[in-house]
């Protein structure tokens, strides 16, 4: 249900509808142009 409703939500709700602890590390890697590989489980809402 959450996945099907994602396209109908504004960008602000994409930011509040998911929380990632230590997520700021991804932003740092993007800013440094090194990127990041993230291995995910089929869990929660990928």
ModelCIF file with pLDDT and N, C-alpha, C, O atoms, coordinates in Angstrom:
data_MODEL
#
_entry.id   MODEL 
#
_entity.id                         1 
_entity.type                       polymer 
_entity.pdbx_number_of_molecules   1 
#
_entity_poly.entity_id                      1 
_entity_poly.type                           'polypeptide(L)' 
_entity_poly.nstd_linkage                   no 
_entity_poly.nstd_monomer                   no 
_entity_poly.pdbx_seq_one_letter_code       
;(UNK)(UNK)(UNK)(UNK)(UNK)(UNK)(UNK)(UNK)(UNK)(UNK)(UNK)(UNK)(UNK)(UNK)(UNK)(UNK)
(UNK)(UNK)(UNK)(UNK)(UNK)(UNK)(UNK)(UNK)(UNK)(UNK)(UNK)(UNK)(UNK)(UNK)(UNK)(UNK)
(UNK)(UNK)(UNK)(UNK)(UNK)(UNK)(UNK)(UNK)(UNK)(UNK)(UNK)(UNK)(UNK)(UNK)
;
_entity_poly.pdbx_seq_one_letter_code_can   XXXXXXXXXXXXXXXXXXXXXXXXXXXXXXXXXXXXXXXXXXXXXX 
_entity_poly.pdbx_strand_id                 A 
#
loop_
_entity_poly_seq.entity_id 
_entity_poly_seq.num 
_entity_poly_seq.mon_id 
_entity_poly_seq.hetero 
1 1  UNK n 
1 2  UNK n 
1 3  UNK n 
1 4  UNK n 
1 5  UNK n 
1 6  UNK n 
1 7  UNK n 
1 8  UNK n 
1 9  UNK n 
1 10 UNK n 
1 11 UNK n 
1 12 UNK n 
1 13 UNK n 
1 14 UNK n 
1 15 UNK n 
1 16 UNK n 
1 17 UNK n 
1 18 UNK n 
1 19 UNK n 
1 20 UNK n 
1 21 UNK n 
1 22 UNK n 
1 23 UNK n 
1 24 UNK n 
1 25 UNK n 
1 26 UNK n 
1 27 UNK n 
1 28 UNK n 
1 29 UNK n 
1 30 UNK n 
1 31 UNK n 
1 32 UNK n 
1 33 UNK n 
1 34 UNK n 
1 35 UNK n 
1 36 UNK n 
1 37 UNK n 
1 38 UNK n 
1 39 UNK n 
1 40 UNK n 
1 41 UNK n 
1 42 UNK n 
1 43 UNK n 
1 44 UNK n 
1 45 UNK n 
1 46 UNK n 
#
_struct_asym.id          A 
_struct_asym.entity_id   1 
#
loop_
_ma_qa_metric.id 
_ma_qa_metric.mode 
_ma_qa_metric.name 
_ma_qa_metric.software_group_id 
_ma_qa_metric.type 
1 global pLDDT . pLDDT 
2 local  pLDDT . pLDDT 
#
_ma_qa_metric_global.metric_id      1 
_ma_qa_metric_global.metric_value   95.61 
_ma_qa_metric_global.model_id       1 
_ma_qa_metric_global.ordinal_id     1 
#
loop_
_ma_qa_metric_local.label_asym_id 
_ma_qa_metric_local.label_comp_id 
_ma_qa_metric_local.label_seq_id 
_ma_qa_metric_local.metric_id 
_ma_qa_metric_local.metric_value 
_ma_qa_metric_local.model_id 
_ma_qa_metric_local.ordinal_id 
A UNK 1  2 95.00 1 1  
A UNK 2  2 94.00 1 2  
A UNK 3  2 92.00 1 3  
A UNK 4  2 91.00 1 4  
A UNK 5  2 93.00 1 5  
A UNK 6  2 93.00 1 6  
A UNK 7  2 89.00 1 7  
A UNK 8  2 82.00 1 8  
A UNK 9  2 90.00 1 9  
A UNK 10 2 92.00 1 10 
A UNK 11 2 92.00 1 11 
A UNK 12 2 95.00 1 12 
A UNK 13 2 95.00 1 13 
A UNK 14 2 96.00 1 14 
A UNK 15 2 97.00 1 15 
A UNK 16 2 96.00 1 16 
A UNK 17 2 96.00 1 17 
A UNK 18 2 98.00 1 18 
A UNK 19 2 98.00 1 19 
A UNK 20 2 98.00 1 20 
A UNK 21 2 98.00 1 21 
A UNK 22 2 98.00 1 22 
A UNK 23 2 97.00 1 23 
A UNK 24 2 97.00 1 24 
A UNK 25 2 98.00 1 25 
A UNK 26 2 98.00 1 26 
A UNK 27 2 97.00 1 27 
A UNK 28 2 97.00 1 28 
A UNK 29 2 98.00 1 29 
A UNK 30 2 97.00 1 30 
A UNK 31 2 97.00 1 31 
A UNK 32 2 96.00 1 32 
A UNK 33 2 95.00 1 33 
A UNK 34 2 95.00 1 34 
A UNK 35 2 96.00 1 35 
A UNK 36 2 98.00 1 36 
A UNK 37 2 98.00 1 37 
A UNK 38 2 98.00 1 38 
A UNK 39 2 98.00 1 39 
A UNK 40 2 97.00 1 40 
A UNK 41 2 98.00 1 41 
A UNK 42 2 97.00 1 42 
A UNK 43 2 98.00 1 43 
A UNK 44 2 98.00 1 44 
A UNK 45 2 97.00 1 45 
A UNK 46 2 95.00 1 46 
#
loop_
_atom_site.group_PDB 
_atom_site.id 
_atom_site.type_symbol 
_atom_site.label_atom_id 
_atom_site.label_alt_id 
_atom_site.label_comp_id 
_atom_site.label_asym_id 
_atom_site.label_entity_id 
_atom_site.label_seq_id 
_atom_site.pdbx_PDB_ins_code 
_atom_site.Cartn_x 
_atom_site.Cartn_y 
_atom_site.Cartn_z 
_atom_site.occupancy 
_atom_site.B_iso_or_equiv 
_atom_site.pdbx_formal_charge 
_atom_site.auth_seq_id 
_atom_site.auth_comp_id 
_atom_site.auth_asym_id 
_atom_site.auth_atom_id 
_atom_site.pdbx_PDB_model_num 
ATOM 1   N N  . UNK A 1 1  ? 0.827  -1.202 0.000  1.00 95.00 ? 1  UNK A N  1 
ATOM 2   C CA . UNK A 1 1  ? 0.000  0.000  0.000  1.00 95.00 ? 1  UNK A CA 1 
ATOM 3   C C  . UNK A 1 1  ? 0.865  1.257  0.000  1.00 95.00 ? 1  UNK A C  1 
ATOM 4   O O  . UNK A 1 1  ? 0.630  2.174  -0.787 1.00 95.00 ? 1  UNK A O  1 
ATOM 5   N N  . UNK A 1 2  ? 1.851  1.301  0.868  1.00 94.00 ? 2  UNK A N  1 
ATOM 6   C CA . UNK A 1 2  ? 2.720  2.481  0.926  1.00 94.00 ? 2  UNK A CA 1 
ATOM 7   C C  . UNK A 1 2  ? 3.451  2.699  -0.393 1.00 94.00 ? 2  UNK A C  1 
ATOM 8   O O  . UNK A 1 2  ? 3.606  3.834  -0.843 1.00 94.00 ? 2  UNK A O  1 
ATOM 9   N N  . UNK A 1 3  ? 3.898  1.606  -1.011 1.00 92.00 ? 3  UNK A N  1 
ATOM 10  C CA . UNK A 1 3  ? 4.616  1.733  -2.280 1.00 92.00 ? 3  UNK A CA 1 
ATOM 11  C C  . UNK A 1 3  ? 3.701  2.263  -3.377 1.00 92.00 ? 3  UNK A C  1 
ATOM 12  O O  . UNK A 1 3  ? 4.078  3.171  -4.118 1.00 92.00 ? 3  UNK A O  1 
ATOM 13  N N  . UNK A 1 4  ? 2.505  1.702  -3.483 1.00 91.00 ? 4  UNK A N  1 
ATOM 14  C CA . UNK A 1 4  ? 1.582  2.149  -4.522 1.00 91.00 ? 4  UNK A CA 1 
ATOM 15  C C  . UNK A 1 4  ? 1.191  3.613  -4.344 1.00 91.00 ? 4  UNK A C  1 
ATOM 16  O O  . UNK A 1 4  ? 0.880  4.296  -5.320 1.00 91.00 ? 4  UNK A O  1 
ATOM 17  N N  . UNK A 1 5  ? 1.204  4.097  -3.102 1.00 93.00 ? 5  UNK A N  1 
ATOM 18  C CA . UNK A 1 5  ? 0.784  5.478  -2.864 1.00 93.00 ? 5  UNK A CA 1 
ATOM 19  C C  . UNK A 1 5  ? 1.936  6.480  -2.982 1.00 93.00 ? 5  UNK A C  1 
ATOM 20  O O  . UNK A 1 5  ? 1.700  7.688  -2.958 1.00 93.00 ? 5  UNK A O  1 
ATOM 21  N N  . UNK A 1 6  ? 3.170  6.003  -3.107 1.00 93.00 ? 6  UNK A N  1 
ATOM 22  C CA . UNK A 1 6  ? 4.308  6.916  -3.182 1.00 93.00 ? 6  UNK A CA 1 
ATOM 23  C C  . UNK A 1 6  ? 4.206  7.926  -4.329 1.00 93.00 ? 6  UNK A C  1 
ATOM 24  O O  . UNK A 1 6  ? 4.479  9.105  -4.107 1.00 93.00 ? 6  UNK A O  1 
ATOM 25  N N  . UNK A 1 7  ? 3.824  7.516  -5.549 1.00 89.00 ? 7  UNK A N  1 
ATOM 26  C CA . UNK A 1 7  ? 3.791  8.500  -6.642 1.00 89.00 ? 7  UNK A CA 1 
ATOM 27  C C  . UNK A 1 7  ? 2.796  9.639  -6.417 1.00 89.00 ? 7  UNK A C  1 
ATOM 28  O O  . UNK A 1 7  ? 2.940  10.706 -7.015 1.00 89.00 ? 7  UNK A O  1 
ATOM 29  N N  . UNK A 1 8  ? 1.804  9.432  -5.576 1.00 82.00 ? 8  UNK A N  1 
ATOM 30  C CA . UNK A 1 8  ? 0.822  10.477 -5.328 1.00 82.00 ? 8  UNK A CA 1 
ATOM 31  C C  . UNK A 1 8  ? 1.188  11.422 -4.207 1.00 82.00 ? 8  UNK A C  1 
ATOM 32  O O  . UNK A 1 8  ? 0.428  12.334 -3.885 1.00 82.00 ? 8  UNK A O  1 
ATOM 33  N N  . UNK A 1 9  ? 2.355  11.209 -3.605 1.00 90.00 ? 9  UNK A N  1 
ATOM 34  C CA . UNK A 1 9  ? 2.771  12.035 -2.477 1.00 90.00 ? 9  UNK A CA 1 
ATOM 35  C C  . UNK A 1 9  ? 3.742  13.124 -2.910 1.00 90.00 ? 9  UNK A C  1 
ATOM 36  O O  . UNK A 1 9  ? 4.560  12.898 -3.802 1.00 90.00 ? 9  UNK A O  1 
ATOM 37  N N  . UNK A 1 10 ? 3.666  14.298 -2.297 1.00 92.00 ? 10 UNK A N  1 
ATOM 38  C CA . UNK A 1 10 ? 4.643  15.345 -2.611 1.00 92.00 ? 10 UNK A CA 1 
ATOM 39  C C  . UNK A 1 10 ? 6.023  14.972 -2.075 1.00 92.00 ? 10 UNK A C  1 
ATOM 40  O O  . UNK A 1 10 ? 6.159  14.098 -1.219 1.00 92.00 ? 10 UNK A O  1 
ATOM 41  N N  . UNK A 1 11 ? 7.036  15.650 -2.592 1.00 92.00 ? 11 UNK A N  1 
ATOM 42  C CA . UNK A 1 11 ? 8.415  15.377 -2.222 1.00 92.00 ? 11 UNK A CA 1 
ATOM 43  C C  . UNK A 1 11 ? 8.623  15.474 -0.712 1.00 92.00 ? 11 UNK A C  1 
ATOM 44  O O  . UNK A 1 11 ? 9.374  14.688 -0.136 1.00 92.00 ? 11 UNK A O  1 
ATOM 45  N N  . UNK A 1 12 ? 7.961  16.434 -0.072 1.00 95.00 ? 12 UNK A N  1 
ATOM 46  C CA . UNK A 1 12 ? 8.141  16.603 1.378  1.00 95.00 ? 12 UNK A CA 1 
ATOM 47  C C  . UNK A 1 12 ? 7.729  15.347 2.133  1.00 95.00 ? 12 UNK A C  1 
ATOM 48  O O  . UNK A 1 12 ? 8.328  15.016 3.156  1.00 95.00 ? 12 UNK A O  1 
ATOM 49  N N  . UNK A 1 13 ? 6.713  14.645 1.639  1.00 95.00 ? 13 UNK A N  1 
ATOM 50  C CA . UNK A 1 13 ? 6.272  13.420 2.319  1.00 95.00 ? 13 UNK A CA 1 
ATOM 51  C C  . UNK A 1 13 ? 7.232  12.260 2.061  1.00 95.00 ? 13 UNK A C  1 
ATOM 52  O O  . UNK A 1 13 ? 7.318  11.342 2.877  1.00 95.00 ? 13 UNK A O  1 
ATOM 53  N N  . UNK A 1 14 ? 7.950  12.288 0.946  1.00 96.00 ? 14 UNK A N  1 
ATOM 54  C CA . UNK A 1 14 ? 8.990  11.285 0.741  1.00 96.00 ? 14 UNK A CA 1 
ATOM 55  C C  . UNK A 1 14 ? 10.096 11.442 1.781  1.00 96.00 ? 14 UNK A C  1 
ATOM 56  O O  . UNK A 1 14 ? 10.712 10.461 2.198  1.00 96.00 ? 14 UNK A O  1 
ATOM 57  N N  . UNK A 1 15 ? 10.341 12.680 2.192  1.00 97.00 ? 15 UNK A N  1 
ATOM 58  C CA . UNK A 1 15 ? 11.385 12.937 3.187  1.00 97.00 ? 15 UNK A CA 1 
ATOM 59  C C  . UNK A 1 15 ? 10.949 12.561 4.596  1.00 97.00 ? 15 UNK A C  1 
ATOM 60  O O  . UNK A 1 15 ? 11.777 12.165 5.417  1.00 97.00 ? 15 UNK A O  1 
ATOM 61  N N  . UNK A 1 16 ? 9.646  12.681 4.885  1.00 96.00 ? 16 UNK A N  1 
ATOM 62  C CA . UNK A 1 16 ? 9.160  12.359 6.227  1.00 96.00 ? 16 UNK A CA 1 
ATOM 63  C C  . UNK A 1 16 ? 8.637  10.928 6.340  1.00 96.00 ? 16 UNK A C  1 
ATOM 64  O O  . UNK A 1 16 ? 8.510  10.401 7.445  1.00 96.00 ? 16 UNK A O  1 
ATOM 65  N N  . UNK A 1 17 ? 8.332  10.296 5.203  1.00 96.00 ? 17 UNK A N  1 
ATOM 66  C CA . UNK A 1 17 ? 7.763  8.951  5.235  1.00 96.00 ? 17 UNK A CA 1 
ATOM 67  C C  . UNK A 1 17 ? 8.801  7.857  5.409  1.00 96.00 ? 17 UNK A C  1 
ATOM 68  O O  . UNK A 1 17 ? 8.456  6.683  5.545  1.00 96.00 ? 17 UNK A O  1 
ATOM 69  N N  . UNK A 1 18 ? 10.072 8.239  5.406  1.00 98.00 ? 18 UNK A N  1 
ATOM 70  C CA . UNK A 1 18 ? 11.142 7.281  5.633  1.00 98.00 ? 18 UNK A CA 1 
ATOM 71  C C  . UNK A 1 18 ? 12.206 7.942  6.488  1.00 98.00 ? 18 UNK A C  1 
ATOM 72  O O  . UNK A 1 18 ? 12.551 9.104  6.273  1.00 98.00 ? 18 UNK A O  1 
ATOM 73  N N  . UNK A 1 19 ? 12.720 7.209  7.447  1.00 98.00 ? 19 UNK A N  1 
ATOM 74  C CA . UNK A 1 19 ? 13.796 7.706  8.310  1.00 98.00 ? 19 UNK A CA 1 
ATOM 75  C C  . UNK A 1 19 ? 14.978 6.759  8.209  1.00 98.00 ? 19 UNK A C  1 
ATOM 76  O O  . UNK A 1 19 ? 14.826 5.542  8.316  1.00 98.00 ? 19 UNK A O  1 
ATOM 77  N N  . UNK A 1 20 ? 16.161 7.329  8.001  1.00 98.00 ? 20 UNK A N  1 
ATOM 78  C CA . UNK A 1 20 ? 17.371 6.510  7.891  1.00 98.00 ? 20 UNK A CA 1 
ATOM 79  C C  . UNK A 1 20 ? 18.403 7.008  8.893  1.00 98.00 ? 20 UNK A C  1 
ATOM 80  O O  . UNK A 1 20 ? 18.971 8.089  8.735  1.00 98.00 ? 20 UNK A O  1 
ATOM 81  N N  . UNK A 1 21 ? 18.635 6.212  9.913  1.00 98.00 ? 21 UNK A N  1 
ATOM 82  C CA . UNK A 1 21 ? 19.659 6.558  10.886 1.00 98.00 ? 21 UNK A CA 1 
ATOM 83  C C  . UNK A 1 21 ? 21.032 6.532  10.211 1.00 98.00 ? 21 UNK A C  1 
ATOM 84  O O  . UNK A 1 21 ? 21.360 5.588  9.492  1.00 98.00 ? 21 UNK A O  1 
ATOM 85  N N  . UNK A 1 22 ? 21.814 7.556  10.443 1.00 98.00 ? 22 UNK A N  1 
ATOM 86  C CA . UNK A 1 22 ? 23.138 7.743  9.858  1.00 98.00 ? 22 UNK A CA 1 
ATOM 87  C C  . UNK A 1 22 ? 23.058 8.014  8.355  1.00 98.00 ? 22 UNK A C  1 
ATOM 88  O O  . UNK A 1 22 ? 24.051 7.868  7.642  1.00 98.00 ? 22 UNK A O  1 
ATOM 89  N N  . UNK A 1 23 ? 21.882 8.407  7.877  1.00 97.00 ? 23 UNK A N  1 
ATOM 90  C CA . UNK A 1 23 ? 21.697 8.652  6.457  1.00 97.00 ? 23 UNK A CA 1 
ATOM 91  C C  . UNK A 1 23 ? 22.525 9.807  5.929  1.00 97.00 ? 23 UNK A C  1 
ATOM 92  O O  . UNK A 1 23 ? 22.783 9.896  4.728  1.00 97.00 ? 23 UNK A O  1 
ATOM 93  N N  . UNK A 1 24 ? 22.945 10.696 6.827  1.00 97.00 ? 24 UNK A N  1 
ATOM 94  C CA . UNK A 1 24 ? 23.756 11.833 6.380  1.00 97.00 ? 24 UNK A CA 1 
ATOM 95  C C  . UNK A 1 24 ? 25.073 11.375 5.755  1.00 97.00 ? 24 UNK A C  1 
ATOM 96  O O  . UNK A 1 24 ? 25.690 12.119 4.993  1.00 97.00 ? 24 UNK A O  1 
ATOM 97  N N  . UNK A 1 25 ? 25.508 10.145 6.077  1.00 98.00 ? 25 UNK A N  1 
ATOM 98  C CA . UNK A 1 25 ? 26.748 9.637  5.483  1.00 98.00 ? 25 UNK A CA 1 
ATOM 99  C C  . UNK A 1 25 ? 26.627 9.517  3.967  1.00 98.00 ? 25 UNK A C  1 
ATOM 100 O O  . UNK A 1 25 ? 27.595 9.749  3.244  1.00 98.00 ? 25 UNK A O  1 
ATOM 101 N N  . UNK A 1 26 ? 25.450 9.158  3.494  1.00 98.00 ? 26 UNK A N  1 
ATOM 102 C CA . UNK A 1 26 ? 25.257 9.059  2.044  1.00 98.00 ? 26 UNK A CA 1 
ATOM 103 C C  . UNK A 1 26 ? 25.441 10.418 1.387  1.00 98.00 ? 26 UNK A C  1 
ATOM 104 O O  . UNK A 1 26 ? 26.067 10.527 0.333  1.00 98.00 ? 26 UNK A O  1 
ATOM 105 N N  . UNK A 1 27 ? 24.890 11.457 2.018  1.00 97.00 ? 27 UNK A N  1 
ATOM 106 C CA . UNK A 1 27 ? 25.042 12.803 1.483  1.00 97.00 ? 27 UNK A CA 1 
ATOM 107 C C  . UNK A 1 27 ? 26.501 13.230 1.418  1.00 97.00 ? 27 UNK A C  1 
ATOM 108 O O  . UNK A 1 27 ? 26.919 13.899 0.473  1.00 97.00 ? 27 UNK A O  1 
ATOM 109 N N  . UNK A 1 28 ? 27.272 12.842 2.423  1.00 97.00 ? 28 UNK A N  1 
ATOM 110 C CA . UNK A 1 28 ? 28.696 13.181 2.423  1.00 97.00 ? 28 UNK A CA 1 
ATOM 111 C C  . UNK A 1 28 ? 29.427 12.488 1.283  1.00 97.00 ? 28 UNK A C  1 
ATOM 112 O O  . UNK A 1 28 ? 30.274 13.091 0.624  1.00 97.00 ? 28 UNK A O  1 
ATOM 113 N N  . UNK A 1 29 ? 29.094 11.205 1.048  1.00 98.00 ? 29 UNK A N  1 
ATOM 114 C CA . UNK A 1 29 ? 29.756 10.472 -0.030 1.00 98.00 ? 29 UNK A CA 1 
ATOM 115 C C  . UNK A 1 29 ? 29.384 11.042 -1.392 1.00 98.00 ? 29 UNK A C  1 
ATOM 116 O O  . UNK A 1 29 ? 30.227 11.114 -2.286 1.00 98.00 ? 29 UNK A O  1 
ATOM 117 N N  . UNK A 1 30 ? 28.130 11.446 -1.555 1.00 97.00 ? 30 UNK A N  1 
ATOM 118 C CA . UNK A 1 30 ? 27.718 12.061 -2.819 1.00 97.00 ? 30 UNK A CA 1 
ATOM 119 C C  . UNK A 1 30 ? 28.477 13.370 -3.030 1.00 97.00 ? 30 UNK A C  1 
ATOM 120 O O  . UNK A 1 30 ? 28.976 13.636 -4.124 1.00 97.00 ? 30 UNK A O  1 
ATOM 121 N N  . UNK A 1 31 ? 28.562 14.184 -1.975 1.00 97.00 ? 31 UNK A N  1 
ATOM 122 C CA . UNK A 1 31 ? 29.264 15.461 -2.078 1.00 97.00 ? 31 UNK A CA 1 
ATOM 123 C C  . UNK A 1 31 ? 30.743 15.266 -2.403 1.00 97.00 ? 31 UNK A C  1 
ATOM 124 O O  . UNK A 1 31 ? 31.349 16.078 -3.102 1.00 97.00 ? 31 UNK A O  1 
ATOM 125 N N  . UNK A 1 32 ? 31.311 14.180 -1.889 1.00 96.00 ? 32 UNK A N  1 
ATOM 126 C CA . UNK A 1 32 ? 32.726 13.899 -2.138 1.00 96.00 ? 32 UNK A CA 1 
ATOM 127 C C  . UNK A 1 32 ? 32.960 13.167 -3.458 1.00 96.00 ? 32 UNK A C  1 
ATOM 128 O O  . UNK A 1 32 ? 34.098 12.861 -3.811 1.00 96.00 ? 32 UNK A O  1 
ATOM 129 N N  . UNK A 1 33 ? 31.878 12.887 -4.182 1.00 95.00 ? 33 UNK A N  1 
ATOM 130 C CA . UNK A 1 33 ? 31.958 12.215 -5.487 1.00 95.00 ? 33 UNK A CA 1 
ATOM 131 C C  . UNK A 1 33 ? 32.564 10.819 -5.412 1.00 95.00 ? 33 UNK A C  1 
ATOM 132 O O  . UNK A 1 33 ? 33.225 10.367 -6.346 1.00 95.00 ? 33 UNK A O  1 
ATOM 133 N N  . UNK A 1 34 ? 32.331 10.139 -4.283 1.00 95.00 ? 34 UNK A N  1 
ATOM 134 C CA . UNK A 1 34 ? 32.811 8.762  -4.176 1.00 95.00 ? 34 UNK A CA 1 
ATOM 135 C C  . UNK A 1 34 ? 31.666 7.757  -4.234 1.00 95.00 ? 34 UNK A C  1 
ATOM 136 O O  . UNK A 1 34 ? 31.895 6.565  -4.441 1.00 95.00 ? 34 UNK A O  1 
ATOM 137 N N  . UNK A 1 35 ? 30.429 8.235  -4.052 1.00 96.00 ? 35 UNK A N  1 
ATOM 138 C CA . UNK A 1 35 ? 29.283 7.349  -4.097 1.00 96.00 ? 35 UNK A CA 1 
ATOM 139 C C  . UNK A 1 35 ? 29.267 6.372  -2.941 1.00 96.00 ? 35 UNK A C  1 
ATOM 140 O O  . UNK A 1 35 ? 30.100 6.448  -2.037 1.00 96.00 ? 35 UNK A O  1 
ATOM 141 N N  . UNK A 1 36 ? 28.319 5.456  -2.975 1.00 98.00 ? 36 UNK A N  1 
ATOM 142 C CA . UNK A 1 36 ? 28.214 4.444  -1.928 1.00 98.00 ? 36 UNK A CA 1 
ATOM 143 C C  . UNK A 1 36 ? 27.405 3.272  -2.460 1.00 98.00 ? 36 UNK A C  1 
ATOM 144 O O  . UNK A 1 36 ? 26.412 3.456  -3.164 1.00 98.00 ? 36 UNK A O  1 
ATOM 145 N N  . UNK A 1 37 ? 27.839 2.067  -2.117 1.00 98.00 ? 37 UNK A N  1 
ATOM 146 C CA . UNK A 1 37 ? 27.085 0.847  -2.392 1.00 98.00 ? 37 UNK A CA 1 
ATOM 147 C C  . UNK A 1 37 ? 26.285 0.522  -1.136 1.00 98.00 ? 37 UNK A C  1 
ATOM 148 O O  . UNK A 1 37 ? 26.829 0.514  -0.032 1.00 98.00 ? 37 UNK A O  1 
ATOM 149 N N  . UNK A 1 38 ? 24.987 0.253  -1.306 1.00 98.00 ? 38 UNK A N  1 
ATOM 150 C CA . UNK A 1 38 ? 24.126 -0.019 -0.163 1.00 98.00 ? 38 UNK A CA 1 
ATOM 151 C C  . UNK A 1 38 ? 23.413 -1.344 -0.400 1.00 98.00 ? 38 UNK A C  1 
ATOM 152 O O  . UNK A 1 38 ? 22.603 -1.462 -1.320 1.00 98.00 ? 38 UNK A O  1 
ATOM 153 N N  . UNK A 1 39 ? 23.711 -2.338 0.427  1.00 98.00 ? 39 UNK A N  1 
ATOM 154 C CA . UNK A 1 39 ? 23.076 -3.651 0.329  1.00 98.00 ? 39 UNK A CA 1 
ATOM 155 C C  . UNK A 1 39 ? 21.813 -3.670 1.182  1.00 98.00 ? 39 UNK A C  1 
ATOM 156 O O  . UNK A 1 39 ? 21.851 -3.355 2.371  1.00 98.00 ? 39 UNK A O  1 
ATOM 157 N N  . UNK A 1 40 ? 20.696 -4.043 0.564  1.00 97.00 ? 40 UNK A N  1 
ATOM 158 C CA . UNK A 1 40 ? 19.397 -3.983 1.227  1.00 97.00 ? 40 UNK A CA 1 
ATOM 159 C C  . UNK A 1 40 ? 18.786 -5.371 1.379  1.00 97.00 ? 40 UNK A C  1 
ATOM 160 O O  . UNK A 1 40 ? 19.030 -6.248 0.551  1.00 97.00 ? 40 UNK A O  1 
ATOM 161 N N  . UNK A 1 41 ? 17.990 -5.579 2.434  1.00 98.00 ? 41 UNK A N  1 
ATOM 162 C CA . UNK A 1 41 ? 17.150 -6.771 2.497  1.00 98.00 ? 41 UNK A CA 1 
ATOM 163 C C  . UNK A 1 41 ? 15.771 -6.470 1.909  1.00 98.00 ? 41 UNK A C  1 
ATOM 164 O O  . UNK A 1 41 ? 15.402 -5.308 1.741  1.00 98.00 ? 41 UNK A O  1 
ATOM 165 N N  . UNK A 1 42 ? 15.019 -7.513 1.601  1.00 97.00 ? 42 UNK A N  1 
ATOM 166 C CA . UNK A 1 42 ? 13.617 -7.340 1.229  1.00 97.00 ? 42 UNK A CA 1 
ATOM 167 C C  . UNK A 1 42 ? 12.830 -7.120 2.535  1.00 97.00 ? 42 UNK A C  1 
ATOM 168 O O  . UNK A 1 42 ? 12.124 -8.011 3.006  1.00 97.00 ? 42 UNK A O  1 
ATOM 169 N N  . UNK A 1 43 ? 12.967 -5.947 3.089  1.00 98.00 ? 43 UNK A N  1 
ATOM 170 C CA . UNK A 1 43 ? 12.366 -5.671 4.393  1.00 98.00 ? 43 UNK A CA 1 
ATOM 171 C C  . UNK A 1 43 ? 11.888 -4.226 4.440  1.00 98.00 ? 43 UNK A C  1 
ATOM 172 O O  . UNK A 1 43 ? 12.382 -3.376 3.698  1.00 98.00 ? 43 UNK A O  1 
ATOM 173 N N  . UNK A 1 44 ? 10.921 -3.951 5.321  1.00 98.00 ? 44 UNK A N  1 
ATOM 174 C CA . UNK A 1 44 ? 10.407 -2.594 5.429  1.00 98.00 ? 44 UNK A CA 1 
ATOM 175 C C  . UNK A 1 44 ? 9.896  -2.121 4.090  1.00 98.00 ? 44 UNK A C  1 
ATOM 176 O O  . UNK A 1 44 ? 9.103  -2.809 3.447  1.00 98.00 ? 44 UNK A O  1 
ATOM 177 N N  . UNK A 1 45 ? 10.344 -0.945 3.658  1.00 97.00 ? 45 UNK A N  1 
ATOM 178 C CA . UNK A 1 45 ? 9.905  -0.398 2.367  1.00 97.00 ? 45 UNK A CA 1 
ATOM 179 C C  . UNK A 1 45 ? 11.105 0.145  1.616  1.00 97.00 ? 45 UNK A C  1 
ATOM 180 O O  . UNK A 1 45 ? 11.502 1.293  1.813  1.00 97.00 ? 45 UNK A O  1 
ATOM 181 N N  . UNK A 1 46 ? 11.685 -0.683 0.751  1.00 95.00 ? 46 UNK A N  1 
ATOM 182 C CA . UNK A 1 46 ? 12.868 -0.272 -0.010 1.00 95.00 ? 46 UNK A CA 1 
ATOM 183 C C  . UNK A 1 46 ? 12.527 0.765  -1.076 1.00 95.00 ? 46 UNK A C  1 
ATOM 184 O O  . UNK A 1 46 ? 13.412 1.215  -1.805 1.00 95.00 ? 46 UNK A O  1 
#
